[in-house]
Amino acid sequence: TTLFRSERLLELVGLNVLVQVTAESLTGGFGPDVQRCVMYLLRQKMVSFIATDAHSSRYRPPVLSSAVKLAARLVGKEAARQLVKDNPLLVINVCRD
């Protein structure tokens, strides 16, 4: 059972709201319930970005590699790359204009 209202999030995604999840939430660093939720969101194509929640190199290091590998198994290599490279670049380019 999901711990959130996925139908509401799906409505927001349909309105072009962008959704970001943290790499650590995908890899299980915040527990199995959060991991299952993020995996569900990825499979439903509700995620726009996977990013780090880096606070420091010691406590929450900026590591995406494990999350990208897991995302690639869930949604494919191309989609995983879009979540960490292409989509962030699109936002940067839009903000430059």
N, C-alpha and C. Protein backbone atom coordinates (compact mmCIF):
# COMPACT_ATOMS: atom_id res chain seq x y z
N THR A 1 0.84 -1.18 0.00
CA THR A 1 0.00 0.00 0.00
C THR A 1 0.89 1.24 0.00
N THR A 2 0.57 2.18 -0.84
CA THR A 2 1.35 3.41 -0.89
C THR A 2 0.96 4.30 0.27
N LEU A 3 1.91 5.10 0.72
CA LEU A 3 1.71 5.98 1.86
C LEU A 3 1.33 7.39 1.45
N PHE A 4 0.94 7.59 0.23
CA PHE A 4 0.60 8.90 -0.28
C PHE A 4 -0.55 8.77 -1.26
N ARG A 5 -1.07 9.88 -1.68
CA ARG A 5 -2.17 9.86 -2.65
C ARG A 5 -1.59 9.96 -4.05
N SER A 6 -1.29 8.81 -4.63
CA SER A 6 -0.64 8.80 -5.94
C SER A 6 -1.53 9.41 -7.02
N GLU A 7 -2.85 9.29 -6.87
CA GLU A 7 -3.73 9.86 -7.89
C GLU A 7 -3.60 11.38 -7.93
N ARG A 8 -3.41 12.01 -6.78
CA ARG A 8 -3.23 13.47 -6.74
C ARG A 8 -1.91 13.86 -7.38
N LEU A 9 -0.86 13.11 -7.08
CA LEU A 9 0.43 13.39 -7.70
C LEU A 9 0.35 13.20 -9.21
N LEU A 10 -0.33 12.19 -9.66
CA LEU A 10 -0.50 11.96 -11.09
C LEU A 10 -1.22 13.14 -11.74
N GLU A 11 -2.21 13.69 -11.06
CA GLU A 11 -2.90 14.89 -11.57
C GLU A 11 -1.91 16.05 -11.73
N LEU A 12 -1.07 16.24 -10.73
CA LEU A 12 -0.09 17.33 -10.78
C LEU A 12 0.92 17.11 -11.90
N VAL A 13 1.38 15.89 -12.07
CA VAL A 13 2.30 15.58 -13.16
C VAL A 13 1.63 15.90 -14.49
N GLY A 14 0.35 15.60 -14.60
CA GLY A 14 -0.41 15.93 -15.82
C GLY A 14 -0.49 17.42 -16.07
N LEU A 15 -0.31 18.22 -15.02
CA LEU A 15 -0.29 19.68 -15.15
C LEU A 15 1.13 20.22 -15.31
N ASN A 16 2.06 19.32 -15.63
CA ASN A 16 3.47 19.66 -15.86
C ASN A 16 4.22 20.04 -14.59
N VAL A 17 3.78 19.57 -13.45
CA VAL A 17 4.54 19.73 -12.22
C VAL A 17 5.69 18.74 -12.26
N LEU A 18 6.88 19.21 -11.93
CA LEU A 18 8.06 18.35 -11.95
C LEU A 18 8.26 17.71 -10.58
N VAL A 19 8.66 16.44 -10.57
CA VAL A 19 8.82 15.69 -9.33
C VAL A 19 10.26 15.22 -9.21
N GLN A 20 10.86 15.52 -8.08
CA GLN A 20 12.24 15.10 -7.81
C GLN A 20 12.25 14.14 -6.64
N VAL A 21 13.03 13.07 -6.75
CA VAL A 21 13.26 12.15 -5.64
C VAL A 21 14.75 12.12 -5.36
N THR A 22 15.10 11.77 -4.15
CA THR A 22 16.52 11.70 -3.81
C THR A 22 17.06 10.31 -4.11
N ALA A 23 18.32 10.28 -4.47
CA ALA A 23 18.99 9.01 -4.77
C ALA A 23 18.92 8.07 -3.57
N GLU A 24 19.14 8.61 -2.40
CA GLU A 24 19.15 7.78 -1.19
C GLU A 24 17.77 7.18 -0.90
N SER A 25 16.71 7.89 -1.26
CA SER A 25 15.38 7.32 -1.05
C SER A 25 15.16 6.13 -1.99
N LEU A 26 15.72 6.20 -3.19
CA LEU A 26 15.60 5.09 -4.14
C LEU A 26 16.43 3.89 -3.72
N THR A 27 17.59 4.13 -3.15
CA THR A 27 18.48 3.03 -2.79
C THR A 27 18.19 2.44 -1.41
N GLY A 28 17.20 2.98 -0.73
CA GLY A 28 16.79 2.40 0.55
C GLY A 28 17.35 3.08 1.78
N GLY A 29 18.05 4.17 1.61
CA GLY A 29 18.67 4.87 2.75
C GLY A 29 17.68 5.46 3.73
N PHE A 30 16.45 5.66 3.31
CA PHE A 30 15.43 6.21 4.20
C PHE A 30 14.39 5.16 4.57
N GLY A 31 14.75 3.90 4.36
CA GLY A 31 13.89 2.80 4.77
C GLY A 31 13.15 2.16 3.61
N PRO A 32 12.65 0.94 3.85
CA PRO A 32 11.99 0.19 2.77
C PRO A 32 10.67 0.78 2.31
N ASP A 33 9.92 1.43 3.19
CA ASP A 33 8.64 2.03 2.77
C ASP A 33 8.88 3.16 1.78
N VAL A 34 9.86 4.01 2.08
CA VAL A 34 10.19 5.12 1.18
C VAL A 34 10.73 4.56 -0.14
N GLN A 35 11.57 3.56 -0.06
CA GLN A 35 12.13 2.96 -1.27
C GLN A 35 11.03 2.40 -2.16
N ARG A 36 10.10 1.67 -1.58
CA ARG A 36 8.99 1.11 -2.37
C ARG A 36 8.16 2.23 -3.02
N CYS A 37 7.94 3.29 -2.28
CA CYS A 37 7.17 4.42 -2.81
C CYS A 37 7.89 5.03 -4.01
N VAL A 38 9.18 5.27 -3.90
CA VAL A 38 9.94 5.88 -4.99
C VAL A 38 10.00 4.94 -6.19
N MET A 39 10.16 3.67 -5.95
CA MET A 39 10.17 2.70 -7.04
C MET A 39 8.82 2.71 -7.77
N TYR A 40 7.75 2.81 -7.02
CA TYR A 40 6.42 2.90 -7.61
C TYR A 40 6.30 4.16 -8.48
N LEU A 41 6.76 5.29 -7.94
CA LEU A 41 6.70 6.54 -8.69
C LEU A 41 7.48 6.44 -10.00
N LEU A 42 8.65 5.83 -9.94
CA LEU A 42 9.45 5.66 -11.15
C LEU A 42 8.73 4.80 -12.18
N ARG A 43 8.20 3.68 -11.74
CA ARG A 43 7.51 2.79 -12.67
C ARG A 43 6.28 3.44 -13.30
N GLN A 44 5.66 4.35 -12.56
CA GLN A 44 4.48 5.05 -13.07
C GLN A 44 4.84 6.30 -13.88
N LYS A 45 6.12 6.52 -14.07
CA LYS A 45 6.63 7.67 -14.84
C LYS A 45 6.21 9.01 -14.23
N MET A 46 6.21 9.08 -12.91
CA MET A 46 5.86 10.31 -12.22
C MET A 46 7.08 11.12 -11.79
N VAL A 47 8.27 10.59 -11.99
CA VAL A 47 9.50 11.24 -11.53
C VAL A 47 10.16 11.99 -12.68
N SER A 48 10.54 13.23 -12.41
CA SER A 48 11.23 14.06 -13.40
C SER A 48 12.74 14.05 -13.19
N PHE A 49 13.18 13.91 -11.94
CA PHE A 49 14.60 14.01 -11.59
C PHE A 49 14.93 13.05 -10.45
N ILE A 50 16.14 12.54 -10.50
CA ILE A 50 16.75 11.89 -9.34
C ILE A 50 17.95 12.76 -8.99
N ALA A 51 18.02 13.19 -7.75
CA ALA A 51 19.10 14.07 -7.33
C ALA A 51 19.66 13.61 -5.99
N THR A 52 20.78 14.17 -5.62
CA THR A 52 21.32 13.86 -4.30
C THR A 52 20.71 14.83 -3.30
N ASP A 53 20.78 14.43 -2.07
CA ASP A 53 20.36 15.28 -0.96
C ASP A 53 21.62 15.60 -0.16
N ALA A 54 22.65 15.99 -0.89
CA ALA A 54 23.98 16.15 -0.31
C ALA A 54 24.01 17.31 0.68
N HIS A 55 24.37 16.97 1.89
CA HIS A 55 24.57 17.97 2.93
C HIS A 55 26.04 18.14 3.22
N SER A 56 26.80 17.09 3.01
CA SER A 56 28.25 17.13 3.18
C SER A 56 28.82 15.88 2.54
N SER A 57 30.13 15.88 2.35
CA SER A 57 30.76 14.70 1.76
C SER A 57 30.84 13.56 2.76
N ARG A 58 30.60 13.86 4.03
CA ARG A 58 30.71 12.84 5.08
C ARG A 58 29.37 12.21 5.45
N TYR A 59 28.34 13.02 5.64
CA TYR A 59 27.07 12.50 6.14
C TYR A 59 26.06 12.16 5.05
N ARG A 60 25.95 12.95 4.04
CA ARG A 60 25.09 12.65 2.91
C ARG A 60 25.85 13.01 1.64
N PRO A 61 26.74 12.14 1.22
CA PRO A 61 27.58 12.47 0.06
C PRO A 61 26.77 12.51 -1.24
N PRO A 62 27.23 13.30 -2.19
CA PRO A 62 26.51 13.44 -3.47
C PRO A 62 26.80 12.26 -4.40
N VAL A 63 26.19 11.12 -4.14
CA VAL A 63 26.41 9.92 -4.93
C VAL A 63 25.13 9.53 -5.66
N LEU A 64 25.20 9.51 -6.97
CA LEU A 64 24.05 9.14 -7.80
C LEU A 64 24.19 7.75 -8.43
N SER A 65 25.39 7.23 -8.50
CA SER A 65 25.65 6.03 -9.29
C SER A 65 24.78 4.84 -8.90
N SER A 66 24.63 4.55 -7.63
CA SER A 66 23.81 3.40 -7.21
C SER A 66 22.35 3.61 -7.58
N ALA A 67 21.87 4.82 -7.42
CA ALA A 67 20.48 5.12 -7.75
C ALA A 67 20.24 5.02 -9.26
N VAL A 68 21.19 5.47 -10.05
CA VAL A 68 21.05 5.40 -11.50
C VAL A 68 21.01 3.94 -11.96
N LYS A 69 21.85 3.11 -11.37
CA LYS A 69 21.85 1.68 -11.73
C LYS A 69 20.51 1.03 -11.38
N LEU A 70 19.99 1.34 -10.21
CA LEU A 70 18.70 0.79 -9.80
C LEU A 70 17.58 1.32 -10.69
N ALA A 71 17.61 2.61 -10.97
CA ALA A 71 16.60 3.20 -11.85
C ALA A 71 16.65 2.57 -13.24
N ALA A 72 17.85 2.29 -13.73
CA ALA A 72 17.99 1.67 -15.05
C ALA A 72 17.34 0.29 -15.08
N ARG A 73 17.45 -0.44 -13.98
CA ARG A 73 16.80 -1.75 -13.92
C ARG A 73 15.28 -1.61 -13.89
N LEU A 74 14.79 -0.52 -13.31
CA LEU A 74 13.34 -0.31 -13.18
C LEU A 74 12.71 0.28 -14.44
N VAL A 75 13.39 1.25 -15.05
CA VAL A 75 12.77 2.00 -16.16
C VAL A 75 13.60 2.00 -17.43
N GLY A 76 14.76 1.37 -17.41
CA GLY A 76 15.63 1.34 -18.58
C GLY A 76 16.74 2.38 -18.49
N LYS A 77 17.84 2.09 -19.19
CA LYS A 77 19.03 2.95 -19.14
C LYS A 77 18.75 4.37 -19.64
N GLU A 78 18.06 4.45 -20.76
CA GLU A 78 17.79 5.77 -21.35
C GLU A 78 16.95 6.64 -20.41
N ALA A 79 15.90 6.08 -19.85
CA ALA A 79 15.05 6.84 -18.93
C ALA A 79 15.83 7.25 -17.68
N ALA A 80 16.67 6.37 -17.17
CA ALA A 80 17.47 6.69 -15.99
C ALA A 80 18.42 7.85 -16.29
N ARG A 81 19.04 7.83 -17.46
CA ARG A 81 19.94 8.92 -17.85
C ARG A 81 19.19 10.24 -17.95
N GLN A 82 17.99 10.19 -18.49
CA GLN A 82 17.19 11.40 -18.59
C GLN A 82 16.91 12.00 -17.22
N LEU A 83 16.70 11.16 -16.23
CA LEU A 83 16.35 11.63 -14.88
C LEU A 83 17.51 12.33 -14.18
N VAL A 84 18.75 11.99 -14.55
CA VAL A 84 19.89 12.60 -13.86
C VAL A 84 20.71 13.54 -14.74
N LYS A 85 20.47 13.51 -16.05
CA LYS A 85 21.26 14.37 -16.94
C LYS A 85 20.39 15.25 -17.84
N ASP A 86 19.60 14.63 -18.69
CA ASP A 86 18.85 15.39 -19.70
C ASP A 86 17.83 16.34 -19.08
N ASN A 87 17.01 15.83 -18.17
CA ASN A 87 15.96 16.68 -17.57
C ASN A 87 16.54 17.84 -16.77
N PRO A 88 17.58 17.62 -15.94
CA PRO A 88 18.18 18.78 -15.26
C PRO A 88 18.75 19.81 -16.23
N LEU A 89 19.35 19.34 -17.33
CA LEU A 89 19.87 20.28 -18.33
C LEU A 89 18.77 21.09 -18.98
N LEU A 90 17.63 20.47 -19.23
CA LEU A 90 16.50 21.19 -19.78
C LEU A 90 16.06 22.33 -18.87
N VAL A 91 16.02 22.07 -17.57
CA VAL A 91 15.62 23.11 -16.61
C VAL A 91 16.67 24.23 -16.60
N ILE A 92 17.92 23.87 -16.60
CA ILE A 92 18.98 24.89 -16.62
C ILE A 92 18.87 25.76 -17.86
N ASN A 93 18.64 25.13 -19.00
CA ASN A 93 18.54 25.89 -20.24
C ASN A 93 17.31 26.79 -20.26
N VAL A 94 16.19 26.34 -19.72
CA VAL A 94 14.99 27.16 -19.65
C VAL A 94 15.23 28.36 -18.74
N CYS A 95 15.94 28.14 -17.65
CA CYS A 95 16.21 29.23 -16.70
C CYS A 95 17.17 30.25 -17.29
N ARG A 96 17.99 29.86 -18.23
CA ARG A 96 18.94 30.79 -18.86
C ARG A 96 18.23 31.73 -19.83
N ASP A 97 17.14 31.27 -20.42
CA ASP A 97 16.44 32.07 -21.43
C ASP A 97 15.73 33.26 -20.86
